[in-house]
Amino acid sequence: MKNFSLYRMFIIITMAVKFFLQVTFFRKRHRKRWTSRTNEKWEALLKRQAAEYRQTALRLEGLLIKLGQFLSTRADIMPQAFIEELEDLIDRVPSVPWEAAKAVMDKEWNKPYDSILDEISEEPVASASIGQVYKGRLPNGATVAVKVQRPGIERIISTDFKAIRIVMWLADLFTPFGKQTDLPALYKEMETTISQELDFSKELQNGFYFRKRYELFDKISVPFYYEEYSTKKVLVMEWVEGARITDLKFLEQNGINRRDLAARLVELFLEQLLQEGRFHADPHPGNILVKKDGTIILIDFGMVGEIQKKDAVHIRRLVEGIVLEDYDQVLSALESLRFLLPGADHAQLKTIIQALVDNYTEKNFASPDDFVVQKLLADLEKIVKEQPIQLPSEFAFFGRAASTFVGILYILDPDIDLLEVGKPLIFKWLQENPEPGPASGQPAFQWLIRSFRPLLSVPRQIQQTLDEPRKYREWRQDFEKHRLQHDFLLSKKRDALFFITFSSILTAAAAFMEQRWWLYGGGILILISLLYYAVNLRAHRRLFKRIK
């Protein structure tokens, strides 16, 4: 029955309507009084709903599994109880019979599969909701992974999208979700991104893109893809031996330092975060392997998102603001990235962001019973619900990728300090890839240095200062103060020179015209102007000394 379109749509829509009605009636019954007992009942209701969704997704397969994985990362719109139930939902689907997979290969290659492959396993080594992977061997002896699309999956996914579109329309009309995010735009982004997985030729191009992107990176590898054997429904790539990156036993047996591995993974993620272009939108542990020598292998580029150049600039400003503890810059970047809608309380948001970063830096989150931390998280949840905050649809899959990456990092190194590990990488990136400066169009970092040269040469300690965010921020503030003082004193010296010139001309004219009082006045004005110039010259030199 699960292969019939009307049945699938009926199950998905009725389940959603049931959930909406349960939530609406519960809130109406308890809107006048919400106690701790009420909260327990609310949590229990959400857990039952999440469990039902999970069971339905595993039974129907198709899009519901991927949607469940996506919802499990959306803490901005989904309750925590729902997230906990869905966070380990994975592609656990039975494989299709060998005869059906073989028929897909024969049709796609327009010839018998054994004319392309000398050998192939009849049992898949991996089976997911869209395709399954077999191990094979080409006539030249190369061992390959052959990914074959499940028969009929296009029709199933298309049906599920129709049902989800109706569900989102209902949610937009009758639930608070529509106020927290742009559901129509979110649906469009989800449809575009997930639909790419149905076309293996797009995954092939993504594989070429990432292989070229990381070819110069140390100990980061992407499999070779065989374009001549790949089609829309069959993908042939190099077979790579490796374990899941979260296989701690494998890491220990091969002497791989987990902390170093986590640091390299941070570098890999930041490279995708700070650089405009495509990013891996599905980096779960099964798609990130590690070899015995510690090389990280990225696989499965079916789900790929893209960061536009204009957004990359704002993301960089956001990351820089967090590292430098410049929370006005953080809020400005969030606004430019469309996370904050008009009417957001910047002062309140600034306070909560600063408190979160401070608590993370001081490791206060390590004590879950700490009252201050619990109050902070409660305030954060309240602000997210009350403030006009949204997750733009184009960042939905990026947020999912980020949360998955962070989860892997904490498995590898539970004590990892993301700010400390990422700080030197971010500063290196800012220096190598500066954004345009405010006035001259020069890169920002170069503009800063060149503007400072009239005052003094750049201190040797700048590079060391860049390693300390707070000191660097103070250095920037001092530089701005000194620059303003320099401009002010320079202006006063120019004024003094103007009056000296003017009074000299006046004195000369008075002498020529034999005007004694004008002559005396001009002489006094010259003297005052010279004294004014001398005072400012001395102040300017003292400023230079103080800066040096």
Protein backbone atom coordinates (compact mmCIF):
# COMPACT_ATOMS: atom_id res chain seq x y z
CA MET A 1 0.00 0.00 0.00
CA LYS A 2 2.86 2.39 0.70
CA ASN A 3 3.61 2.59 -3.03
CA PHE A 4 0.14 4.00 -3.85
CA SER A 5 0.12 7.80 -4.13
CA LEU A 6 -3.31 8.47 -2.63
CA TYR A 7 -2.59 6.21 0.33
CA ARG A 8 0.69 7.96 1.08
CA MET A 9 -0.87 11.42 0.82
CA PHE A 10 -3.78 10.38 3.03
CA ILE A 11 -1.48 9.02 5.77
CA ILE A 12 0.85 12.04 5.74
CA ILE A 13 -1.88 14.71 5.70
CA THR A 14 -4.13 13.04 8.30
CA MET A 15 -1.15 12.55 10.62
CA ALA A 16 -0.28 16.25 10.33
CA VAL A 17 -3.88 17.41 10.85
CA LYS A 18 -4.13 15.14 13.90
CA PHE A 19 -0.99 16.71 15.37
CA PHE A 20 -2.25 20.26 14.69
CA LEU A 21 -5.63 19.56 16.34
CA GLN A 22 -4.01 17.93 19.38
CA VAL A 23 -1.75 20.95 19.92
CA THR A 24 -4.58 23.46 19.36
CA PHE A 25 -7.01 21.78 21.78
CA PHE A 26 -4.31 21.27 24.40
CA ARG A 27 -3.36 24.96 24.36
CA LYS A 28 -6.99 26.05 24.52
CA ARG A 29 -7.67 23.83 27.52
CA HIS A 30 -4.64 25.12 29.42
CA ARG A 31 -4.30 28.71 28.19
CA LYS A 32 -5.59 30.21 31.48
CA ARG A 33 -3.30 28.22 33.75
CA TRP A 34 0.01 26.57 32.83
CA THR A 35 1.61 24.69 35.70
CA SER A 36 4.52 22.28 36.01
CA ARG A 37 2.02 19.44 35.74
CA THR A 38 0.66 20.97 32.52
CA ASN A 39 4.19 21.17 31.17
CA GLU A 40 4.74 17.46 31.89
CA LYS A 41 1.54 16.62 29.96
CA TRP A 42 2.69 18.86 27.09
CA GLU A 43 6.06 17.11 26.91
CA ALA A 44 4.34 13.71 26.94
CA LEU A 45 2.05 14.75 24.06
CA LEU A 46 4.99 15.89 21.96
CA LYS A 47 6.89 12.68 22.64
CA ARG A 48 3.88 10.62 21.51
CA GLN A 49 3.59 12.68 18.33
CA ALA A 50 7.30 12.36 17.58
CA ALA A 51 7.18 8.58 18.17
CA GLU A 52 4.21 8.28 15.81
CA TYR A 53 5.98 10.31 13.15
CA ARG A 54 9.08 8.16 13.52
CA GLN A 55 7.12 4.92 13.10
CA THR A 56 5.23 6.30 10.09
CA ALA A 57 8.45 7.50 8.46
CA LEU A 58 10.13 4.10 8.86
CA ARG A 59 7.02 2.40 7.47
CA LEU A 60 6.45 4.68 4.46
CA GLU A 61 10.14 5.49 3.84
CA GLY A 62 10.70 8.03 1.05
CA LEU A 63 10.70 11.73 1.89
CA LEU A 64 9.43 11.36 5.48
CA ILE A 65 12.79 9.98 6.65
CA LYS A 66 14.73 12.91 5.20
CA LEU A 67 12.13 15.37 6.48
CA GLY A 68 12.44 13.84 9.96
CA GLN A 69 16.22 14.23 9.84
CA PHE A 70 15.74 17.83 8.79
CA LEU A 71 13.17 18.63 11.51
CA SER A 72 15.44 17.13 14.17
CA THR A 73 17.89 19.99 13.58
CA ARG A 74 15.33 22.81 13.64
CA ALA A 75 15.45 23.89 17.28
CA ASP A 76 14.08 27.28 16.22
CA ILE A 77 10.66 25.85 15.31
CA MET A 78 10.51 22.32 16.78
CA PRO A 79 10.01 21.50 20.48
CA GLN A 80 12.91 19.81 22.25
CA ALA A 81 10.88 16.67 23.00
CA PHE A 82 10.22 16.23 19.26
CA ILE A 83 13.88 16.77 18.40
CA GLU A 84 15.12 14.18 20.92
CA GLU A 85 12.86 11.52 19.41
CA LEU A 86 13.88 12.22 15.81
CA GLU A 87 17.56 13.10 16.18
CA ASP A 88 18.77 9.54 15.51
CA LEU A 89 16.31 8.85 12.68
CA ILE A 90 18.41 7.40 9.86
CA ASP A 91 17.88 5.75 6.52
CA ARG A 92 16.90 2.30 7.78
CA VAL A 93 15.10 0.87 4.80
CA PRO A 94 15.16 -2.64 3.35
CA SER A 95 17.03 -3.09 0.09
CA VAL A 96 15.25 -3.76 -3.18
CA PRO A 97 15.68 -7.22 -4.76
CA TRP A 98 18.79 -7.77 -6.89
CA GLU A 99 16.71 -8.34 -10.03
CA ALA A 100 15.13 -4.87 -9.70
CA ALA A 101 18.52 -3.16 -9.19
CA LYS A 102 20.02 -5.11 -12.10
CA ALA A 103 17.14 -3.98 -14.34
CA VAL A 104 17.90 -0.33 -13.52
CA MET A 105 21.58 -0.78 -14.50
CA ASP A 106 20.72 -2.59 -17.74
CA LYS A 107 18.26 0.15 -18.73
CA GLU A 108 20.56 3.05 -17.82
CA TRP A 109 23.59 1.56 -19.59
CA ASN A 110 21.46 0.32 -22.50
CA LYS A 111 23.32 -2.99 -22.33
CA PRO A 112 23.74 -5.87 -19.88
CA TYR A 113 25.41 -4.76 -16.65
CA ASP A 114 28.08 -7.50 -16.97
CA SER A 115 29.35 -5.87 -20.16
CA ILE A 116 30.40 -2.89 -18.01
CA LEU A 117 31.37 -4.67 -14.79
CA ASP A 118 33.50 -7.77 -14.47
CA GLU A 119 32.15 -8.36 -10.99
CA ILE A 120 29.50 -6.94 -8.62
CA SER A 121 28.05 -8.02 -5.28
CA GLU A 122 24.39 -9.04 -5.43
CA GLU A 123 23.85 -7.83 -1.88
CA PRO A 124 24.15 -4.06 -1.36
CA VAL A 125 26.76 -2.82 1.10
CA ALA A 126 24.50 0.12 1.99
CA SER A 127 20.82 0.86 1.49
CA ALA A 128 19.15 4.26 1.87
CA SER A 129 15.83 5.85 1.01
CA ILE A 130 16.86 6.94 -2.50
CA GLY A 131 19.60 4.54 -3.57
CA GLN A 132 21.71 1.59 -2.56
CA VAL A 133 25.39 0.88 -3.07
CA TYR A 134 27.08 -2.25 -4.46
CA LYS A 135 30.75 -3.16 -4.60
CA GLY A 136 32.00 -3.94 -8.10
CA ARG A 137 35.09 -4.28 -10.30
CA LEU A 138 35.77 -2.74 -13.72
CA PRO A 139 37.54 -4.60 -16.57
CA ASN A 140 40.75 -2.63 -15.80
CA GLY A 141 40.78 -4.13 -12.31
CA ALA A 142 39.68 -0.98 -10.46
CA THR A 143 37.38 -1.60 -7.51
CA VAL A 144 34.35 0.69 -7.62
CA ALA A 145 31.23 1.59 -5.67
CA VAL A 146 28.08 1.43 -7.81
CA LYS A 147 25.15 3.49 -6.55
CA VAL A 148 21.80 2.45 -8.02
CA GLN A 149 18.59 4.41 -7.62
CA ARG A 150 15.64 2.57 -6.09
CA PRO A 151 12.99 1.77 -8.74
CA GLY A 152 9.94 4.06 -8.51
CA ILE A 153 11.52 6.42 -5.96
CA GLU A 154 10.92 9.50 -8.16
CA ARG A 155 7.16 8.95 -8.09
CA ILE A 156 7.20 8.33 -4.32
CA ILE A 157 9.19 11.49 -3.59
CA SER A 158 6.97 13.53 -5.92
CA THR A 159 3.87 12.27 -4.09
CA ASP A 160 5.39 13.05 -0.70
CA PHE A 161 6.23 16.58 -1.80
CA LYS A 162 2.60 17.16 -2.78
CA ALA A 163 1.49 15.99 0.65
CA ILE A 164 4.13 18.10 2.45
CA ARG A 165 3.09 21.17 0.46
CA ILE A 166 -0.49 20.74 1.69
CA VAL A 167 0.74 20.20 5.25
CA MET A 168 2.87 23.36 5.15
CA TRP A 169 -0.07 25.34 3.77
CA LEU A 170 -2.20 24.16 6.70
CA ALA A 171 0.62 24.92 9.15
CA ASP A 172 0.98 28.42 7.72
CA LEU A 173 -2.75 29.07 8.21
CA PHE A 174 -3.47 27.39 11.54
CA THR A 175 -0.23 27.17 13.54
CA PRO A 176 2.40 29.61 14.91
CA PHE A 177 5.05 28.12 12.59
CA GLY A 178 4.12 30.58 9.85
CA LYS A 179 5.14 33.48 12.08
CA GLN A 180 8.53 32.00 12.87
CA THR A 181 9.65 31.09 9.37
CA ASP A 182 8.67 31.57 5.76
CA LEU A 183 7.12 28.14 5.15
CA PRO A 184 6.49 28.55 1.39
CA ALA A 185 10.12 29.60 0.88
CA LEU A 186 11.28 26.77 3.15
CA TYR A 187 9.28 24.26 1.12
CA LYS A 188 10.81 25.57 -2.12
CA GLU A 189 14.34 25.29 -0.72
CA MET A 190 13.68 21.80 0.63
CA GLU A 191 12.20 20.65 -2.68
CA THR A 192 15.12 22.06 -4.68
CA THR A 193 17.81 20.59 -2.43
CA ILE A 194 16.31 17.13 -1.88
CA SER A 195 15.24 16.76 -5.52
CA GLN A 196 18.89 17.04 -6.53
CA GLU A 197 19.45 13.64 -4.95
CA LEU A 198 17.17 12.07 -7.55
CA ASP A 199 19.53 13.07 -10.35
CA PHE A 200 22.85 11.26 -9.95
CA SER A 201 24.35 13.30 -12.79
CA LYS A 202 24.16 16.34 -10.47
CA GLU A 203 25.85 14.35 -7.73
CA LEU A 204 28.55 13.48 -10.28
CA GLN A 205 29.19 17.17 -10.99
CA ASN A 206 29.21 17.93 -7.26
CA GLY A 207 31.78 15.18 -6.79
CA PHE A 208 34.04 16.74 -9.44
CA TYR A 209 33.59 20.14 -7.78
CA PHE A 210 34.59 19.00 -4.29
CA ARG A 211 37.44 16.81 -5.55
CA LYS A 212 38.98 19.83 -7.26
CA ARG A 213 38.24 22.08 -4.27
CA TYR A 214 40.13 19.88 -1.81
CA GLU A 215 42.89 18.52 -4.04
CA LEU A 216 45.50 20.73 -2.35
CA PHE A 217 44.29 20.12 1.22
CA ASP A 218 46.47 17.91 3.39
CA LYS A 219 44.85 14.58 4.34
CA ILE A 220 41.42 15.42 2.88
CA SER A 221 40.27 13.26 0.00
CA VAL A 222 37.26 12.91 -2.33
CA PRO A 223 36.72 9.72 -4.41
CA PHE A 224 37.32 9.68 -8.16
CA TYR A 225 34.12 9.51 -10.24
CA TYR A 226 33.80 7.58 -13.51
CA GLU A 227 31.82 9.91 -15.74
CA GLU A 228 31.70 7.48 -18.68
CA TYR A 229 29.74 4.92 -16.61
CA SER A 230 27.53 7.32 -14.65
CA THR A 231 23.95 8.24 -15.61
CA LYS A 232 20.94 9.89 -14.00
CA LYS A 233 20.15 6.73 -11.99
CA VAL A 234 23.53 4.95 -11.75
CA LEU A 235 26.69 6.44 -10.28
CA VAL A 236 30.11 4.78 -10.45
CA MET A 237 32.93 6.00 -8.24
CA GLU A 238 36.21 4.87 -6.75
CA TRP A 239 35.86 2.38 -3.89
CA VAL A 240 37.47 3.75 -0.74
CA GLU A 241 38.34 1.80 2.37
CA GLY A 242 37.69 3.61 5.60
CA ALA A 243 35.67 3.70 8.79
CA ARG A 244 33.08 6.18 9.95
CA ILE A 245 34.77 9.18 11.46
CA THR A 246 32.93 8.51 14.74
CA ASP A 247 34.28 4.94 14.99
CA LEU A 248 36.39 5.63 18.10
CA LYS A 249 37.65 2.04 18.30
CA PHE A 250 39.05 2.29 14.75
CA LEU A 251 40.75 5.60 15.60
CA GLU A 252 42.36 4.11 18.71
CA GLN A 253 43.54 0.95 16.90
CA ASN A 254 45.26 3.03 14.22
CA GLY A 255 46.77 5.61 16.57
CA ILE A 256 44.78 8.51 15.14
CA ASN A 257 44.75 11.54 17.44
CA ARG A 258 41.08 12.43 17.93
CA ARG A 259 41.85 16.04 18.89
CA ASP A 260 43.93 16.63 15.76
CA LEU A 261 41.24 14.96 13.66
CA ALA A 262 38.58 17.25 15.16
CA ALA A 263 40.75 20.31 14.47
CA ARG A 264 41.13 19.31 10.80
CA LEU A 265 37.39 18.80 10.61
CA VAL A 266 36.87 22.34 11.97
CA GLU A 267 39.16 23.67 9.25
CA LEU A 268 37.20 21.71 6.65
CA PHE A 269 33.87 23.08 7.89
CA LEU A 270 35.10 26.69 8.22
CA GLU A 271 36.40 26.53 4.66
CA GLN A 272 32.85 25.76 3.51
CA LEU A 273 31.33 28.30 5.91
CA LEU A 274 33.52 31.29 5.01
CA GLN A 275 33.90 30.62 1.28
CA GLU A 276 31.09 31.35 -1.12
CA GLY A 277 30.14 28.32 -3.17
CA ARG A 278 28.73 24.86 -2.53
CA PHE A 279 28.73 23.08 0.81
CA HIS A 280 28.04 19.49 1.83
CA ALA A 281 24.45 19.60 3.11
CA ASP A 282 24.38 16.06 4.51
CA PRO A 283 27.65 15.53 6.44
CA HIS A 284 26.49 12.76 8.79
CA PRO A 285 29.10 10.26 10.09
CA GLY A 286 28.32 7.80 7.30
CA ASN A 287 29.35 10.40 4.71
CA ILE A 288 32.65 11.31 6.40
CA LEU A 289 35.12 8.43 6.50
CA VAL A 290 38.66 8.20 7.82
CA LYS A 291 41.51 6.05 6.50
CA LYS A 292 44.06 4.23 8.64
CA ASP A 293 46.55 7.06 8.06
CA GLY A 294 44.05 9.66 9.33
CA THR A 295 42.99 10.98 5.91
CA ILE A 296 39.42 12.36 5.93
CA ILE A 297 37.29 11.14 3.02
CA LEU A 298 34.14 13.01 1.97
CA ILE A 299 31.52 10.99 0.09
CA ASP A 300 27.90 11.28 -1.08
CA PHE A 301 27.36 14.72 -2.61
CA GLY A 302 23.71 14.18 -3.49
CA MET A 303 22.52 16.86 -1.10
CA VAL A 304 24.52 20.04 -1.65
CA GLY A 305 23.65 23.63 -0.76
CA GLU A 306 25.18 26.88 -1.92
CA ILE A 307 26.31 30.06 -0.18
CA GLN A 308 25.99 33.17 -2.32
CA LYS A 309 28.88 35.64 -2.42
CA LYS A 310 26.84 38.42 -0.80
CA ASP A 311 25.88 36.11 2.08
CA ALA A 312 29.45 34.84 2.50
CA VAL A 313 30.56 38.39 3.35
CA HIS A 314 27.91 38.69 6.08
CA ILE A 315 28.64 35.20 7.44
CA ARG A 316 32.30 36.18 7.72
CA ARG A 317 31.31 39.36 9.59
CA LEU A 318 29.12 37.27 11.89
CA VAL A 319 31.92 34.82 12.72
CA GLU A 320 34.43 37.66 13.12
CA GLY A 321 32.03 39.49 15.46
CA ILE A 322 31.63 36.43 17.69
CA VAL A 323 35.37 35.77 17.86
CA LEU A 324 36.17 39.45 18.50
CA GLU A 325 33.23 39.78 20.93
CA ASP A 326 31.80 42.63 18.86
CA TYR A 327 28.10 41.92 19.35
CA ASP A 328 26.88 44.99 17.47
CA GLN A 329 28.63 43.53 14.43
CA VAL A 330 27.01 40.15 15.15
CA LEU A 331 23.52 41.69 15.17
CA SER A 332 24.26 43.73 12.05
CA ALA A 333 25.39 40.56 10.24
CA LEU A 334 22.30 38.63 11.41
CA GLU A 335 20.12 41.43 10.09
CA SER A 336 21.93 41.46 6.74
CA LEU A 337 21.51 37.68 6.54
CA ARG A 338 17.74 38.14 7.05
CA PHE A 339 17.63 36.32 10.40
CA LEU A 340 16.19 39.40 12.15
CA LEU A 341 12.96 40.94 10.95
CA PRO A 342 12.00 44.61 11.51
CA GLY A 343 11.05 45.26 15.13
CA ALA A 344 13.63 42.96 16.74
CA ASP A 345 14.89 44.20 20.13
CA HIS A 346 18.63 44.60 19.43
CA ALA A 347 19.53 45.44 23.02
CA GLN A 348 17.89 42.30 24.39
CA LEU A 349 19.34 40.10 21.67
CA LYS A 350 22.80 41.57 22.21
CA THR A 351 22.62 40.77 25.92
CA ILE A 352 21.57 37.15 25.41
CA ILE A 353 24.18 36.50 22.67
CA GLN A 354 26.92 37.98 24.81
CA ALA A 355 25.81 35.90 27.81
CA LEU A 356 25.77 32.73 25.72
CA VAL A 357 29.28 33.33 24.37
CA ASP A 358 30.60 34.25 27.83
CA ASN A 359 29.10 31.12 29.38
CA TYR A 360 30.48 28.95 26.60
CA THR A 361 33.94 30.51 26.97
CA GLU A 362 33.88 30.00 30.75
CA LYS A 363 32.68 26.39 30.30
CA ASN A 364 29.62 27.02 32.49
CA PHE A 365 27.56 24.71 30.30
CA ALA A 366 29.46 21.77 31.74
CA SER A 367 27.25 21.89 34.87
CA PRO A 368 23.68 21.19 33.72
CA ASP A 369 22.22 21.95 37.16
CA ASP A 370 23.63 25.44 37.24
CA PHE A 371 20.71 27.81 37.84
CA VAL A 372 22.20 30.67 35.83
CA VAL A 373 22.72 28.49 32.76
CA GLN A 374 19.21 27.07 32.96
CA LYS A 375 17.78 30.58 33.27
CA LEU A 376 19.89 31.71 30.31
CA LEU A 377 18.64 28.89 28.10
CA ALA A 378 15.05 29.57 29.18
CA ASP A 379 15.48 33.24 28.27
CA LEU A 380 16.95 32.27 24.92
CA GLU A 381 14.01 29.98 24.11
CA LYS A 382 11.57 32.73 25.12
CA ILE A 383 13.33 35.33 22.97
CA VAL A 384 13.41 33.04 19.92
CA LYS A 385 9.65 32.52 20.25
CA GLU A 386 8.73 36.14 21.02
CA GLN A 387 11.16 38.12 18.89
CA PRO A 388 10.69 38.49 15.11
CA ILE A 389 13.43 35.97 14.40
CA GLN A 390 13.39 33.55 11.49
CA LEU A 391 15.70 31.08 9.82
CA PRO A 392 15.80 32.08 6.14
CA SER A 393 14.91 29.14 3.96
CA GLU A 394 18.21 29.26 2.08
CA PHE A 395 20.05 28.59 5.36
CA ALA A 396 17.84 25.70 6.49
CA PHE A 397 20.12 23.00 5.13
CA PHE A 398 23.23 24.91 6.12
CA GLY A 399 21.96 24.94 9.71
CA ARG A 400 21.34 21.21 9.51
CA ALA A 401 24.86 20.64 8.16
CA ALA A 402 26.37 22.84 10.88
CA SER A 403 24.59 21.04 13.72
CA THR A 404 25.62 17.65 12.30
CA PHE A 405 29.24 18.78 12.01
CA VAL A 406 29.27 20.07 15.59
CA GLY A 407 27.80 16.80 16.84
CA ILE A 408 30.64 14.85 15.19
CA LEU A 409 33.23 17.22 16.67
CA TYR A 410 32.00 16.66 20.21
CA ILE A 411 32.05 12.88 19.72
CA LEU A 412 35.70 13.10 18.64
CA ASP A 413 36.74 15.60 21.32
CA PRO A 414 34.17 16.26 24.10
CA ASP A 415 36.39 19.05 25.48
CA ILE A 416 36.86 20.87 22.18
CA ASP A 417 36.72 24.68 22.35
CA LEU A 418 35.33 25.69 18.98
CA LEU A 419 36.22 29.36 19.47
CA GLU A 420 39.83 28.62 20.33
CA VAL A 421 40.28 26.05 17.55
CA GLY A 422 38.58 28.23 14.96
CA LYS A 423 40.14 31.55 15.96
CA PRO A 424 43.52 31.27 14.13
CA LEU A 425 41.81 29.79 11.07
CA ILE A 426 39.34 32.68 10.96
CA PHE A 427 42.04 35.35 11.30
CA LYS A 428 44.13 33.65 8.64
CA TRP A 429 41.09 33.64 6.37
CA LEU A 430 40.33 37.31 7.07
CA GLN A 431 43.87 38.33 6.12
CA GLU A 432 44.01 36.19 2.98
CA ASN A 433 40.46 37.02 1.81
CA PRO A 434 39.71 40.58 2.96
CA GLU A 435 36.47 42.30 2.07
CA PRO A 436 36.46 45.79 0.49
CA GLY A 437 37.41 48.63 2.82
CA PRO A 438 35.10 51.50 3.72
CA ALA A 439 36.51 54.28 1.58
CA SER A 440 39.10 53.43 -1.00
CA GLY A 441 37.84 50.06 -2.17
CA GLN A 442 41.06 48.50 -0.89
CA PRO A 443 40.85 45.25 1.09
CA ALA A 444 39.81 46.05 4.66
CA PHE A 445 42.95 44.75 6.35
CA GLN A 446 45.24 46.52 3.87
CA TRP A 447 43.17 49.70 4.19
CA LEU A 448 43.63 49.58 7.96
CA ILE A 449 47.41 49.26 7.66
CA ARG A 450 47.83 51.90 4.93
CA SER A 451 45.68 54.39 6.83
CA PHE A 452 47.93 53.95 9.85
CA ARG A 453 51.20 54.64 8.01
CA PRO A 454 51.03 58.46 8.27
CA LEU A 455 51.26 58.04 12.02
CA LEU A 456 53.78 55.26 12.45
CA SER A 457 54.94 52.01 10.95
CA VAL A 458 52.85 48.97 11.73
CA PRO A 459 54.11 47.38 14.98
CA ARG A 460 55.68 43.96 14.77
CA GLN A 461 53.29 42.78 17.45
CA ILE A 462 50.22 43.09 15.19
CA GLN A 463 50.33 39.42 14.20
CA GLN A 464 50.57 38.39 17.85
CA THR A 465 47.77 40.79 18.73
CA LEU A 466 45.55 39.18 16.11
CA ASP A 467 45.77 35.95 18.06
CA GLU A 468 43.98 37.57 21.00
CA PRO A 469 40.47 38.72 20.04
CA ARG A 470 40.00 41.10 22.95
CA LYS A 471 43.42 42.72 22.41
CA TYR A 472 42.80 43.01 18.71
CA ARG A 473 39.46 44.73 19.33
CA GLU A 474 41.16 47.13 21.79
CA TRP A 475 43.90 47.73 19.21
CA ARG A 476 41.28 48.65 16.63
CA GLN A 477 39.60 51.03 19.08
CA ASP A 478 42.95 52.64 19.99
CA PHE A 479 43.86 52.97 16.35
CA GLU A 480 40.57 54.75 15.61
CA LYS A 481 41.08 57.09 18.56
CA HIS A 482 44.67 57.87 17.50
CA ARG A 483 43.62 58.38 13.89
CA LEU A 484 40.98 60.91 14.95
CA GLN A 485 43.51 62.72 17.17
CA HIS A 486 45.99 62.75 14.31
CA ASP A 487 43.42 64.19 11.88
CA PHE A 488 42.34 66.79 14.42
CA LEU A 489 45.90 67.99 15.15
CA LEU A 490 46.76 67.96 11.46
CA SER A 491 43.73 70.15 10.78
CA LYS A 492 44.78 72.60 13.52
CA LYS A 493 48.30 72.80 12.07
CA ARG A 494 46.84 73.56 8.64
CA ASP A 495 44.68 76.30 10.15
CA ALA A 496 47.78 77.78 11.83
CA LEU A 497 49.69 77.73 8.54
CA PHE A 498 46.78 79.41 6.80
CA PHE A 499 46.69 82.22 9.40
CA ILE A 500 50.48 82.62 9.22
CA THR A 501 50.24 82.98 5.43
CA PHE A 502 47.25 85.29 5.66
CA SER A 503 48.79 87.52 8.38
CA SER A 504 52.10 87.66 6.44
CA ILE A 505 50.28 88.91 3.33
CA LEU A 506 48.35 91.36 5.49
CA THR A 507 51.55 92.64 7.13
CA ALA A 508 53.29 93.04 3.78
CA ALA A 509 50.32 94.94 2.37
CA ALA A 510 50.20 97.18 5.47
CA ALA A 511 53.92 97.98 5.15
CA PHE A 512 53.50 98.77 1.43
CA MET A 513 50.50 101.01 2.16
CA GLU A 514 52.21 102.49 5.26
CA GLN A 515 49.28 101.54 7.51
CA ARG A 516 50.93 101.42 10.96
CA TRP A 517 48.02 99.88 12.93
CA TRP A 518 47.47 97.20 10.28
CA LEU A 519 51.19 96.51 10.43
CA TYR A 520 51.05 96.04 14.21
CA GLY A 521 47.91 93.88 13.93
CA GLY A 522 49.46 91.69 11.23
CA GLY A 523 52.61 91.20 13.27
CA ILE A 524 50.62 90.19 16.38
CA LEU A 525 48.52 87.77 14.27
CA ILE A 526 51.72 86.21 12.84
CA LEU A 527 53.07 85.74 16.36
CA ILE A 528 49.83 84.17 17.65
CA SER A 529 49.63 81.88 14.58
CA LEU A 530 53.24 80.76 15.08
CA LEU A 531 52.57 79.99 18.76
CA TYR A 532 49.37 78.10 17.78
CA TYR A 533 51.32 76.08 15.22
CA ALA A 534 54.14 75.33 17.71
CA VAL A 535 51.68 74.09 20.37
CA ASN A 536 49.93 71.74 17.93
CA LEU A 537 53.24 70.56 16.47
CA ARG A 538 54.40 69.62 19.98
CA ALA A 539 51.09 67.85 20.67
CA HIS A 540 51.38 65.95 17.38
CA ARG A 541 54.90 64.78 18.20
CA ARG A 542 53.77 63.67 21.66
CA LEU A 543 50.97 61.67 20.02
CA PHE A 544 53.53 59.91 17.78
CA LYS A 545 55.68 59.09 20.81
CA ARG A 546 52.73 57.76 22.77
CA ILE A 547 51.65 55.50 19.90
CA LYS A 548 55.17 54.16 19.36
